[in-house]
Amino acid sequence: PHWWWHRPRELPPAGPSGLVIFHDVAVLTEKLLPIVEGMQKLFSAGTG
């Protein structure tokens, strides 16, 4: 469970407006795996 906030460098006026974007974890995981596969072995307690 994570939230991410993105905003342009120029801060918009204060107010309630906003946009929620959902990301599919399966798609992100597929992109991530080649980059972080080596880290998983160093920084996790094991598969599963």
All heavy atoms as atom14 arrays in JSON, in Angstrom:
{
  "sequence": "PHWWWHRPRELPPAGPSGLVIFHDVAVLTEKLLPIVEGMQKLFSAGTG",
  "atom14_mask": [
    [1, 1, 1, 1, 1, 1, 1, 0, 0, 0, 0, 0, 0, 0],
    [1, 1, 1, 1, 1, 1, 1, 1, 1, 1, 0, 0, 0, 0],
    [1, 1, 1, 1, 1, 1, 1, 1, 1, 1, 1, 1, 1, 1],
    [1, 1, 1, 1, 1, 1, 1, 1, 1, 1, 1, 1, 1, 1],
    [1, 1, 1, 1, 1, 1, 1, 1, 1, 1, 1, 1, 1, 1],
    [1, 1, 1, 1, 1, 1, 1, 1, 1, 1, 0, 0, 0, 0],
    [1, 1, 1, 1, 1, 1, 1, 1, 1, 1, 1, 0, 0, 0],
    [1, 1, 1, 1, 1, 1, 1, 0, 0, 0, 0, 0, 0, 0],
    [1, 1, 1, 1, 1, 1, 1, 1, 1, 1, 1, 0, 0, 0],
    [1, 1, 1, 1, 1, 1, 1, 1, 1, 0, 0, 0, 0, 0],
    [1, 1, 1, 1, 1, 1, 1, 1, 0, 0, 0, 0, 0, 0],
    [1, 1, 1, 1, 1, 1, 1, 0, 0, 0, 0, 0, 0, 0],
    [1, 1, 1, 1, 1, 1, 1, 0, 0, 0, 0, 0, 0, 0],
    [1, 1, 1, 1, 1, 0, 0, 0, 0, 0, 0, 0, 0, 0],
    [1, 1, 1, 1, 0, 0, 0, 0, 0, 0, 0, 0, 0, 0],
    [1, 1, 1, 1, 1, 1, 1, 0, 0, 0, 0, 0, 0, 0],
    [1, 1, 1, 1, 1, 1, 0, 0, 0, 0, 0, 0, 0, 0],
    [1, 1, 1, 1, 0, 0, 0, 0, 0, 0, 0, 0, 0, 0],
    [1, 1, 1, 1, 1, 1, 1, 1, 0, 0, 0, 0, 0, 0],
    [1, 1, 1, 1, 1, 1, 1, 0, 0, 0, 0, 0, 0, 0],
    [1, 1, 1, 1, 1, 1, 1, 1, 0, 0, 0, 0, 0, 0],
    [1, 1, 1, 1, 1, 1, 1, 1, 1, 1, 1, 0, 0, 0],
    [1, 1, 1, 1, 1, 1, 1, 1, 1, 1, 0, 0, 0, 0],
    [1, 1, 1, 1, 1, 1, 1, 1, 0, 0, 0, 0, 0, 0],
    [1, 1, 1, 1, 1, 1, 1, 0, 0, 0, 0, 0, 0, 0],
    [1, 1, 1, 1, 1, 0, 0, 0, 0, 0, 0, 0, 0, 0],
    [1, 1, 1, 1, 1, 1, 1, 0, 0, 0, 0, 0, 0, 0],
    [1, 1, 1, 1, 1, 1, 1, 1, 0, 0, 0, 0, 0, 0],
    [1, 1, 1, 1, 1, 1, 1, 0, 0, 0, 0, 0, 0, 0],
    [1, 1, 1, 1, 1, 1, 1, 1, 1, 0, 0, 0, 0, 0],
    [1, 1, 1, 1, 1, 1, 1, 1, 1, 0, 0, 0, 0, 0],
    [1, 1, 1, 1, 1, 1, 1, 1, 0, 0, 0, 0, 0, 0],
    [1, 1, 1, 1, 1, 1, 1, 1, 0, 0, 0, 0, 0, 0],
    [1, 1, 1, 1, 1, 1, 1, 0, 0, 0, 0, 0, 0, 0],
    [1, 1, 1, 1, 1, 1, 1, 1, 0, 0, 0, 0, 0, 0],
    [1, 1, 1, 1, 1, 1, 1, 0, 0, 0, 0, 0, 0, 0],
    [1, 1, 1, 1, 1, 1, 1, 1, 1, 0, 0, 0, 0, 0],
    [1, 1, 1, 1, 0, 0, 0, 0, 0, 0, 0, 0, 0, 0],
    [1, 1, 1, 1, 1, 1, 1, 1, 0, 0, 0, 0, 0, 0],
    [1, 1, 1, 1, 1, 1, 1, 1, 1, 0, 0, 0, 0, 0],
    [1, 1, 1, 1, 1, 1, 1, 1, 1, 0, 0, 0, 0, 0],
    [1, 1, 1, 1, 1, 1, 1, 1, 0, 0, 0, 0, 0, 0],
    [1, 1, 1, 1, 1, 1, 1, 1, 1, 1, 1, 0, 0, 0],
    [1, 1, 1, 1, 1, 1, 0, 0, 0, 0, 0, 0, 0, 0],
    [1, 1, 1, 1, 1, 0, 0, 0, 0, 0, 0, 0, 0, 0],
    [1, 1, 1, 1, 0, 0, 0, 0, 0, 0, 0, 0, 0, 0],
    [1, 1, 1, 1, 1, 1, 1, 0, 0, 0, 0, 0, 0, 0],
    [1, 1, 1, 1, 0, 0, 0, 0, 0, 0, 0, 0, 0, 0]
  ],
  "atom14_positions": [
    [[0.82, -1.21, 0.0], [0.0, 0.0, 0.0], [0.86, 1.27, 0.0], [1.53, 1.56, 0.97], [-0.81, -0.12, 1.3], [0.04, -0.96, 2.2], [0.8, -1.9, 1.29], [0.0, 0.0, 0.0], [0.0, 0.0, 0.0], [0.0, 0.0, 0.0], [0.0, 0.0, 0.0], [0.0, 0.0, 0.0], [0.0, 0.0, 0.0], [0.0, 0.0, 0.0]],
    [[0.81, 1.97, -1.08], [1.53, 3.22, -1.21], [0.61, 4.26, -1.86], [-0.23, 3.94, -2.69], [2.73, 3.09, -2.16], [3.96, 2.51, -1.54], [4.39, 2.85, -0.28], [4.86, 1.63, -2.03], [5.51, 2.2, -0.01], [5.8, 1.45, -1.05], [0.0, 0.0, 0.0], [0.0, 0.0, 0.0], [0.0, 0.0, 0.0], [0.0, 0.0, 0.0]],
    [[0.82, 5.48, -1.51], [0.31, 6.61, -2.29], [1.5, 7.31, -2.92], [2.55, 7.42, -2.32], [-0.43, 7.61, -1.4], [-1.84, 7.26, -1.09], [-2.31, 6.79, 0.1], [-2.97, 7.35, -1.96], [-3.66, 6.58, 0.02], [-4.09, 6.91, -1.22], [-3.14, 7.74, -3.28], [-5.38, 6.86, -1.77], [-4.42, 7.69, -3.83], [-5.52, 7.27, -3.08]],
    [[1.31, 7.81, -4.14], [2.31, 8.69, -4.75], [1.62, 9.99, -5.11], [0.5, 10.02, -5.56], [2.85, 8.11, -6.07], [3.31, 6.7, -5.99], [3.95, 6.09, -4.94], [3.14, 5.7, -6.99], [4.2, 4.78, -5.23], [3.72, 4.51, -6.48], [2.58, 5.68, -8.26], [3.74, 3.33, -7.21], [2.6, 4.51, -8.98], [3.17, 3.35, -8.46]],
    [[2.31, 11.1, -4.9], [1.82, 12.39, -5.35], [2.79, 12.96, -6.37], [4.01, 12.96, -6.14], [1.7, 13.39, -4.19], [0.48, 13.18, -3.35], [-0.75, 13.73, -3.53], [0.39, 12.37, -2.18], [-1.61, 13.3, -2.54], [-0.94, 12.47, -1.71], [1.28, 11.55, -1.49], [-1.4, 11.81, -0.57], [0.84, 10.88, -0.36], [-0.48, 11.01, 0.07]],
    [[2.24, 13.43, -7.47], [3.05, 14.1, -8.49], [2.45, 15.46, -8.73], [1.23, 15.62, -8.79], [3.04, 13.29, -9.79], [3.3, 14.12, -11.01], [4.49, 14.78, -11.22], [2.51, 14.41, -12.08], [4.42, 15.42, -12.38], [3.23, 15.22, -12.91], [0.0, 0.0, 0.0], [0.0, 0.0, 0.0], [0.0, 0.0, 0.0], [0.0, 0.0, 0.0]],
    [[3.3, 16.45, -8.86], [2.82, 17.79, -9.16], [3.86, 18.51, -9.98], [5.07, 18.34, -9.75], [2.54, 18.55, -7.86], [1.86, 19.88, -8.09], [1.28, 20.42, -6.8], [2.28, 20.54, -5.76], [1.97, 20.71, -4.49], [0.72, 20.74, -4.09], [2.93, 20.83, -3.59], [0.0, 0.0, 0.0], [0.0, 0.0, 0.0], [0.0, 0.0, 0.0]],
    [[3.43, 19.3, -10.95], [4.4, 20.08, -11.72], [5.21, 20.99, -10.81], [4.83, 21.27, -9.68], [3.52, 20.89, -12.69], [2.23, 20.13, -12.75], [2.05, 19.51, -11.39], [0.0, 0.0, 0.0], [0.0, 0.0, 0.0], [0.0, 0.0, 0.0], [0.0, 0.0, 0.0], [0.0, 0.0, 0.0], [0.0, 0.0, 0.0], [0.0, 0.0, 0.0]],
    [[6.35, 21.48, -11.32], [7.22, 22.34, -10.53], [6.51, 23.62, -10.1], [6.76, 24.15, -9.03], [8.49, 22.69, -11.3], [9.42, 21.49, -11.43], [10.71, 21.9, -12.14], [11.61, 20.76, -12.24], [12.46, 20.4, -11.29], [12.5, 21.07, -10.17], [13.26, 19.36, -11.45], [0.0, 0.0, 0.0], [0.0, 0.0, 0.0], [0.0, 0.0, 0.0]],
    [[5.64, 24.16, -10.95], [4.89, 25.34, -10.59], [3.7, 24.92, -9.75], [2.83, 24.2, -10.21], [4.41, 26.09, -11.85], [5.56, 26.68, -12.66], [6.33, 27.71, -11.87], [5.69, 28.49, -11.13], [7.56, 27.76, -11.99], [0.0, 0.0, 0.0], [0.0, 0.0, 0.0], [0.0, 0.0, 0.0], [0.0, 0.0, 0.0], [0.0, 0.0, 0.0]],
    [[3.65, 25.36, -8.5], [2.57, 24.95, -7.62], [1.26, 25.58, -8.07], [1.19, 26.78, -8.33], [2.87, 25.38, -6.18], [4.09, 24.72, -5.54], [4.25, 25.25, -4.12], [3.98, 23.22, -5.53], [0.0, 0.0, 0.0], [0.0, 0.0, 0.0], [0.0, 0.0, 0.0], [0.0, 0.0, 0.0], [0.0, 0.0, 0.0], [0.0, 0.0, 0.0]],
    [[0.19, 24.78, -8.18], [-1.1, 25.33, -8.56], [-1.74, 26.05, -7.39], [-1.31, 25.9, -6.24], [-1.91, 24.07, -8.91], [-1.34, 23.01, -8.05], [0.14, 23.35, -7.92], [0.0, 0.0, 0.0], [0.0, 0.0, 0.0], [0.0, 0.0, 0.0], [0.0, 0.0, 0.0], [0.0, 0.0, 0.0], [0.0, 0.0, 0.0], [0.0, 0.0, 0.0]],
    [[-2.77, 26.83, -7.65], [-3.47, 27.48, -6.55], [-4.03, 26.44, -5.6], [-4.39, 25.33, -5.99], [-4.6, 28.25, -7.26], [-4.15, 28.37, -8.69], [-3.32, 27.16, -8.96], [0.0, 0.0, 0.0], [0.0, 0.0, 0.0], [0.0, 0.0, 0.0], [0.0, 0.0, 0.0], [0.0, 0.0, 0.0], [0.0, 0.0, 0.0], [0.0, 0.0, 0.0]],
    [[-4.09, 26.8, -4.32], [-4.64, 25.88, -3.33], [-6.1, 25.6, -3.64], [-6.84, 26.47, -4.07], [-4.49, 26.47, -1.92], [0.0, 0.0, 0.0], [0.0, 0.0, 0.0], [0.0, 0.0, 0.0], [0.0, 0.0, 0.0], [0.0, 0.0, 0.0], [0.0, 0.0, 0.0], [0.0, 0.0, 0.0], [0.0, 0.0, 0.0], [0.0, 0.0, 0.0]],
    [[-6.51, 24.38, -3.46], [-7.9, 24.02, -3.73], [-8.06, 22.53, -3.75], [-7.11, 21.77, -3.68], [0.0, 0.0, 0.0], [0.0, 0.0, 0.0], [0.0, 0.0, 0.0], [0.0, 0.0, 0.0], [0.0, 0.0, 0.0], [0.0, 0.0, 0.0], [0.0, 0.0, 0.0], [0.0, 0.0, 0.0], [0.0, 0.0, 0.0], [0.0, 0.0, 0.0]],
    [[-9.3, 22.05, -3.89], [-9.57, 20.62, -3.79], [-9.36, 19.85, -5.08], [-9.55, 18.64, -5.09], [-11.05, 20.61, -3.39], [-11.61, 21.83, -4.04], [-10.51, 22.87, -3.98], [0.0, 0.0, 0.0], [0.0, 0.0, 0.0], [0.0, 0.0, 0.0], [0.0, 0.0, 0.0], [0.0, 0.0, 0.0], [0.0, 0.0, 0.0], [0.0, 0.0, 0.0]],
    [[-9.04, 20.51, -6.19], [-8.93, 19.82, -7.47], [-7.78, 18.83, -7.46], [-6.75, 19.04, -6.84], [-8.74, 20.83, -8.61], [-7.53, 21.52, -8.44], [0.0, 0.0, 0.0], [0.0, 0.0, 0.0], [0.0, 0.0, 0.0], [0.0, 0.0, 0.0], [0.0, 0.0, 0.0], [0.0, 0.0, 0.0], [0.0, 0.0, 0.0], [0.0, 0.0, 0.0]],
    [[-7.97, 17.73, -8.17], [-6.93, 16.71, -8.25], [-7.36, 15.6, -9.18], [-8.5, 15.53, -9.63], [0.0, 0.0, 0.0], [0.0, 0.0, 0.0], [0.0, 0.0, 0.0], [0.0, 0.0, 0.0], [0.0, 0.0, 0.0], [0.0, 0.0, 0.0], [0.0, 0.0, 0.0], [0.0, 0.0, 0.0], [0.0, 0.0, 0.0], [0.0, 0.0, 0.0]],
    [[-6.43, 14.71, -9.46], [-6.67, 13.61, -10.37], [-6.06, 12.36, -9.77], [-4.9, 12.37, -9.35], [-6.03, 13.9, -11.74], [-6.13, 12.8, -12.79], [-7.59, 12.62, -13.22], [-5.27, 13.15, -14.01], [0.0, 0.0, 0.0], [0.0, 0.0, 0.0], [0.0, 0.0, 0.0], [0.0, 0.0, 0.0], [0.0, 0.0, 0.0], [0.0, 0.0, 0.0]],
    [[-6.82, 11.28, -9.68], [-6.33, 10.01, -9.17], [-6.07, 9.08, -10.34], [-6.93, 8.89, -11.2], [-7.35, 9.36, -8.2], [-6.84, 7.99, -7.75], [-7.59, 10.26, -7.0], [0.0, 0.0, 0.0], [0.0, 0.0, 0.0], [0.0, 0.0, 0.0], [0.0, 0.0, 0.0], [0.0, 0.0, 0.0], [0.0, 0.0, 0.0], [0.0, 0.0, 0.0]],
    [[-4.86, 8.52, -10.39], [-4.46, 7.6, -11.45], [-4.07, 6.28, -10.82], [-3.25, 6.24, -9.9], [-3.28, 8.17, -12.26], [-3.66, 9.5, -12.91], [-2.81, 7.16, -13.33], [-2.51, 10.2, -13.59], [0.0, 0.0, 0.0], [0.0, 0.0, 0.0], [0.0, 0.0, 0.0], [0.0, 0.0, 0.0], [0.0, 0.0, 0.0], [0.0, 0.0, 0.0]],
    [[-4.64, 5.17, -11.29], [-4.31, 3.85, -10.78], [-3.3, 3.19, -11.7], [-3.37, 3.3, -12.91], [-5.57, 2.99, -10.69], [-6.49, 3.38, -9.57], [-7.48, 4.33, -9.77], [-6.36, 2.8, -8.32], [-8.33, 4.7, -8.73], [-7.2, 3.16, -7.28], [-8.18, 4.11, -7.49], [0.0, 0.0, 0.0], [0.0, 0.0, 0.0], [0.0, 0.0, 0.0]],
    [[-2.33, 2.48, -11.07], [-1.3, 1.75, -11.81], [-1.44, 0.26, -11.53], [-1.63, -0.14, -10.38], [0.1, 2.23, -11.4], [0.37, 3.66, -11.76], [0.98, 4.04, -12.92], [0.1, 4.81, -11.1], [1.1, 5.35, -12.97], [0.56, 5.85, -11.88], [0.0, 0.0, 0.0], [0.0, 0.0, 0.0], [0.0, 0.0, 0.0], [0.0, 0.0, 0.0]],
    [[-1.34, -0.54, -12.56], [-1.43, -1.99, -12.42], [-0.11, -2.53, -11.9], [0.94, -2.37, -12.53], [-1.77, -2.61, -13.78], [-2.16, -4.07, -13.65], [-1.5, -4.8, -12.88], [-3.11, -4.49, -14.34], [0.0, 0.0, 0.0], [0.0, 0.0, 0.0], [0.0, 0.0, 0.0], [0.0, 0.0, 0.0], [0.0, 0.0, 0.0], [0.0, 0.0, 0.0]],
    [[-0.13, -3.19, -10.75], [1.09, -3.67, -10.12], [1.8, -4.69, -11.01], [3.03, -4.78, -11.02], [0.79, -4.25, -8.72], [-0.04, -5.52, -8.81], [2.07, -4.52, -7.96], [0.0, 0.0, 0.0], [0.0, 0.0, 0.0], [0.0, 0.0, 0.0], [0.0, 0.0, 0.0], [0.0, 0.0, 0.0], [0.0, 0.0, 0.0], [0.0, 0.0, 0.0]],
    [[1.03, -5.48, -11.77], [1.65, -6.49, -12.64], [2.5, -5.85, -13.73], [3.59, -6.32, -14.06], [0.57, -7.38, -13.25], [0.0, 0.0, 0.0], [0.0, 0.0, 0.0], [0.0, 0.0, 0.0], [0.0, 0.0, 0.0], [0.0, 0.0, 0.0], [0.0, 0.0, 0.0], [0.0, 0.0, 0.0], [0.0, 0.0, 0.0], [0.0, 0.0, 0.0]],
    [[2.0, -4.75, -14.28], [2.75, -4.04, -15.33], [4.03, -3.44, -14.75], [5.12, -3.55, -15.34], [1.87, -2.94, -15.96], [2.69, -2.1, -16.93], [0.68, -3.57, -16.67], [0.0, 0.0, 0.0], [0.0, 0.0, 0.0], [0.0, 0.0, 0.0], [0.0, 0.0, 0.0], [0.0, 0.0, 0.0], [0.0, 0.0, 0.0], [0.0, 0.0, 0.0]],
    [[3.93, -2.81, -13.58], [5.11, -2.2, -12.95], [6.14, -3.27, -12.57], [7.34, -3.07, -12.74], [4.7, -1.4, -11.73], [3.92, -0.11, -11.98], [3.53, 0.53, -10.66], [4.73, 0.86, -12.82], [0.0, 0.0, 0.0], [0.0, 0.0, 0.0], [0.0, 0.0, 0.0], [0.0, 0.0, 0.0], [0.0, 0.0, 0.0], [0.0, 0.0, 0.0]],
    [[5.66, -4.38, -12.05], [6.57, -5.45, -11.64], [7.35, -5.99, -12.83], [8.55, -6.28, -12.72], [5.78, -6.59, -10.97], [5.12, -6.07, -9.81], [6.7, -7.72, -10.54], [0.0, 0.0, 0.0], [0.0, 0.0, 0.0], [0.0, 0.0, 0.0], [0.0, 0.0, 0.0], [0.0, 0.0, 0.0], [0.0, 0.0, 0.0], [0.0, 0.0, 0.0]],
    [[6.69, -6.11, -13.96], [7.37, -6.6, -15.17], [8.49, -5.67, -15.59], [9.56, -6.11, -16.01], [6.35, -6.76, -16.3], [6.92, -7.36, -17.57], [5.88, -7.55, -18.65], [4.68, -7.31, -18.39], [6.26, -7.94, -19.77], [0.0, 0.0, 0.0], [0.0, 0.0, 0.0], [0.0, 0.0, 0.0], [0.0, 0.0, 0.0], [0.0, 0.0, 0.0]],
    [[8.27, -4.37, -15.45], [9.31, -3.39, -15.79], [10.44, -3.39, -14.77], [11.61, -3.19, -15.09], [8.7, -1.98, -15.88], [7.72, -1.78, -17.01], [7.16, -0.36, -16.97], [6.17, -0.11, -18.09], [5.61, 1.27, -18.03], [0.0, 0.0, 0.0], [0.0, 0.0, 0.0], [0.0, 0.0, 0.0], [0.0, 0.0, 0.0], [0.0, 0.0, 0.0]],
    [[10.06, -3.6, -13.51], [11.03, -3.5, -12.42], [11.98, -4.69, -12.34], [13.16, -4.53, -12.01], [10.29, -3.41, -11.07], [9.77, -2.05, -10.62], [8.94, -2.24, -9.37], [10.92, -1.1, -10.35], [0.0, 0.0, 0.0], [0.0, 0.0, 0.0], [0.0, 0.0, 0.0], [0.0, 0.0, 0.0], [0.0, 0.0, 0.0], [0.0, 0.0, 0.0]],
    [[11.47, -5.87, -12.6], [12.21, -7.08, -12.3], [13.63, -7.1, -12.86], [14.58, -7.43, -12.12], [11.44, -8.31, -12.79], [12.01, -9.66, -12.35], [12.11, -9.73, -10.82], [11.15, -10.8, -12.88], [0.0, 0.0, 0.0], [0.0, 0.0, 0.0], [0.0, 0.0, 0.0], [0.0, 0.0, 0.0], [0.0, 0.0, 0.0], [0.0, 0.0, 0.0]],
    [[13.86, -6.73, -14.12], [15.24, -6.76, -14.63], [16.18, -5.8, -13.9], [17.39, -6.02, -13.85], [15.08, -6.37, -16.1], [13.66, -6.6, -16.44], [12.9, -6.33, -15.17], [0.0, 0.0, 0.0], [0.0, 0.0, 0.0], [0.0, 0.0, 0.0], [0.0, 0.0, 0.0], [0.0, 0.0, 0.0], [0.0, 0.0, 0.0], [0.0, 0.0, 0.0]],
    [[15.63, -4.72, -13.34], [16.45, -3.71, -12.68], [16.8, -4.12, -11.25], [17.92, -3.91, -10.79], [15.71, -2.35, -12.67], [15.28, -1.95, -14.08], [16.6, -1.26, -12.06], [14.35, -0.74, -14.12], [0.0, 0.0, 0.0], [0.0, 0.0, 0.0], [0.0, 0.0, 0.0], [0.0, 0.0, 0.0], [0.0, 0.0, 0.0], [0.0, 0.0, 0.0]],
    [[15.84, -4.71, -10.55], [16.01, -4.92, -9.11], [16.2, -6.38, -8.72], [16.29, -6.69, -7.53], [14.8, -4.34, -8.34], [14.62, -2.87, -8.67], [13.52, -5.12, -8.64], [0.0, 0.0, 0.0], [0.0, 0.0, 0.0], [0.0, 0.0, 0.0], [0.0, 0.0, 0.0], [0.0, 0.0, 0.0], [0.0, 0.0, 0.0], [0.0, 0.0, 0.0]],
    [[16.28, -7.27, -9.68], [16.38, -8.69, -9.36], [17.56, -8.99, -8.45], [17.46, -9.78, -7.51], [16.49, -9.51, -10.65], [16.32, -10.99, -10.45], [16.22, -11.75, -11.76], [16.5, -11.15, -12.82], [15.86, -12.93, -11.71], [0.0, 0.0, 0.0], [0.0, 0.0, 0.0], [0.0, 0.0, 0.0], [0.0, 0.0, 0.0], [0.0, 0.0, 0.0]],
    [[18.71, -8.34, -8.72], [19.88, -8.56, -7.87], [19.67, -8.05, -6.46], [20.15, -8.66, -5.49], [0.0, 0.0, 0.0], [0.0, 0.0, 0.0], [0.0, 0.0, 0.0], [0.0, 0.0, 0.0], [0.0, 0.0, 0.0], [0.0, 0.0, 0.0], [0.0, 0.0, 0.0], [0.0, 0.0, 0.0], [0.0, 0.0, 0.0], [0.0, 0.0, 0.0]],
    [[18.95, -6.94, -6.31], [18.7, -6.37, -4.98], [17.83, -7.28, -4.13], [17.99, -7.35, -2.91], [17.99, -5.02, -5.11], [18.83, -3.92, -5.68], [17.89, -2.4, -5.65], [18.91, -1.42, -6.74], [0.0, 0.0, 0.0], [0.0, 0.0, 0.0], [0.0, 0.0, 0.0], [0.0, 0.0, 0.0], [0.0, 0.0, 0.0], [0.0, 0.0, 0.0]],
    [[16.9, -7.97, -4.77], [15.99, -8.82, -4.03], [16.75, -9.87, -3.21], [16.35, -10.24, -2.12], [15.01, -9.51, -4.97], [13.99, -8.55, -5.57], [13.13, -9.22, -6.62], [13.46, -9.26, -7.79], [12.01, -9.77, -6.18], [0.0, 0.0, 0.0], [0.0, 0.0, 0.0], [0.0, 0.0, 0.0], [0.0, 0.0, 0.0], [0.0, 0.0, 0.0]],
    [[17.86, -10.32, -3.74], [18.65, -11.32, -3.05], [19.39, -10.73, -1.85], [19.65, -11.41, -0.87], [19.65, -11.95, -4.01], [18.99, -12.65, -5.2], [20.02, -13.11, -6.22], [19.36, -13.73, -7.43], [20.33, -14.11, -8.48], [0.0, 0.0, 0.0], [0.0, 0.0, 0.0], [0.0, 0.0, 0.0], [0.0, 0.0, 0.0], [0.0, 0.0, 0.0]],
    [[19.72, -9.44, -1.95], [20.49, -8.78, -0.89], [19.61, -8.18, 0.2], [20.02, -8.1, 1.36], [21.35, -7.67, -1.49], [22.44, -8.08, -2.49], [23.06, -6.83, -3.11], [23.5, -8.92, -1.79], [0.0, 0.0, 0.0], [0.0, 0.0, 0.0], [0.0, 0.0, 0.0], [0.0, 0.0, 0.0], [0.0, 0.0, 0.0], [0.0, 0.0, 0.0]],
    [[18.4, -7.73, -0.17], [17.6, -6.92, 0.73], [16.22, -7.51, 1.02], [15.26, -6.77, 1.26], [17.46, -5.5, 0.18], [18.77, -4.86, -0.18], [18.97, -4.31, -1.44], [19.81, -4.82, 0.74], [20.19, -3.73, -1.77], [21.03, -4.24, 0.41], [21.22, -3.69, -0.84], [0.0, 0.0, 0.0], [0.0, 0.0, 0.0], [0.0, 0.0, 0.0]],
    [[16.1, -8.83, 1.0], [14.88, -9.49, 1.43], [15.28, -10.78, 2.14], [16.39, -11.29, 1.96], [13.94, -9.79, 0.26], [14.53, -10.72, -0.63], [0.0, 0.0, 0.0], [0.0, 0.0, 0.0], [0.0, 0.0, 0.0], [0.0, 0.0, 0.0], [0.0, 0.0, 0.0], [0.0, 0.0, 0.0], [0.0, 0.0, 0.0], [0.0, 0.0, 0.0]],
    [[14.36, -11.3, 2.94], [14.68, -12.46, 3.78], [14.56, -13.78, 3.03], [14.79, -14.84, 3.59], [13.77, -12.48, 5.0], [0.0, 0.0, 0.0], [0.0, 0.0, 0.0], [0.0, 0.0, 0.0], [0.0, 0.0, 0.0], [0.0, 0.0, 0.0], [0.0, 0.0, 0.0], [0.0, 0.0, 0.0], [0.0, 0.0, 0.0], [0.0, 0.0, 0.0]],
    [[14.2, -13.71, 1.74], [14.1, -14.93, 0.95], [12.83, -14.96, 0.13], [11.89, -14.2, 0.35], [0.0, 0.0, 0.0], [0.0, 0.0, 0.0], [0.0, 0.0, 0.0], [0.0, 0.0, 0.0], [0.0, 0.0, 0.0], [0.0, 0.0, 0.0], [0.0, 0.0, 0.0], [0.0, 0.0, 0.0], [0.0, 0.0, 0.0], [0.0, 0.0, 0.0]],
    [[12.78, -15.83, -0.86], [11.62, -15.95, -1.75], [10.36, -16.24, -0.95], [10.34, -17.09, -0.07], [11.85, -17.08, -2.76], [13.06, -16.83, -3.47], [10.69, -17.16, -3.74], [0.0, 0.0, 0.0], [0.0, 0.0, 0.0], [0.0, 0.0, 0.0], [0.0, 0.0, 0.0], [0.0, 0.0, 0.0], [0.0, 0.0, 0.0], [0.0, 0.0, 0.0]],
    [[9.31, -15.48, -1.27], [8.03, -15.7, -0.61], [7.82, -14.89, 0.64], [6.71, -14.85, 1.18], [0.0, 0.0, 0.0], [0.0, 0.0, 0.0], [0.0, 0.0, 0.0], [0.0, 0.0, 0.0], [0.0, 0.0, 0.0], [0.0, 0.0, 0.0], [0.0, 0.0, 0.0], [0.0, 0.0, 0.0], [0.0, 0.0, 0.0], [0.0, 0.0, 0.0]]
  ]
}
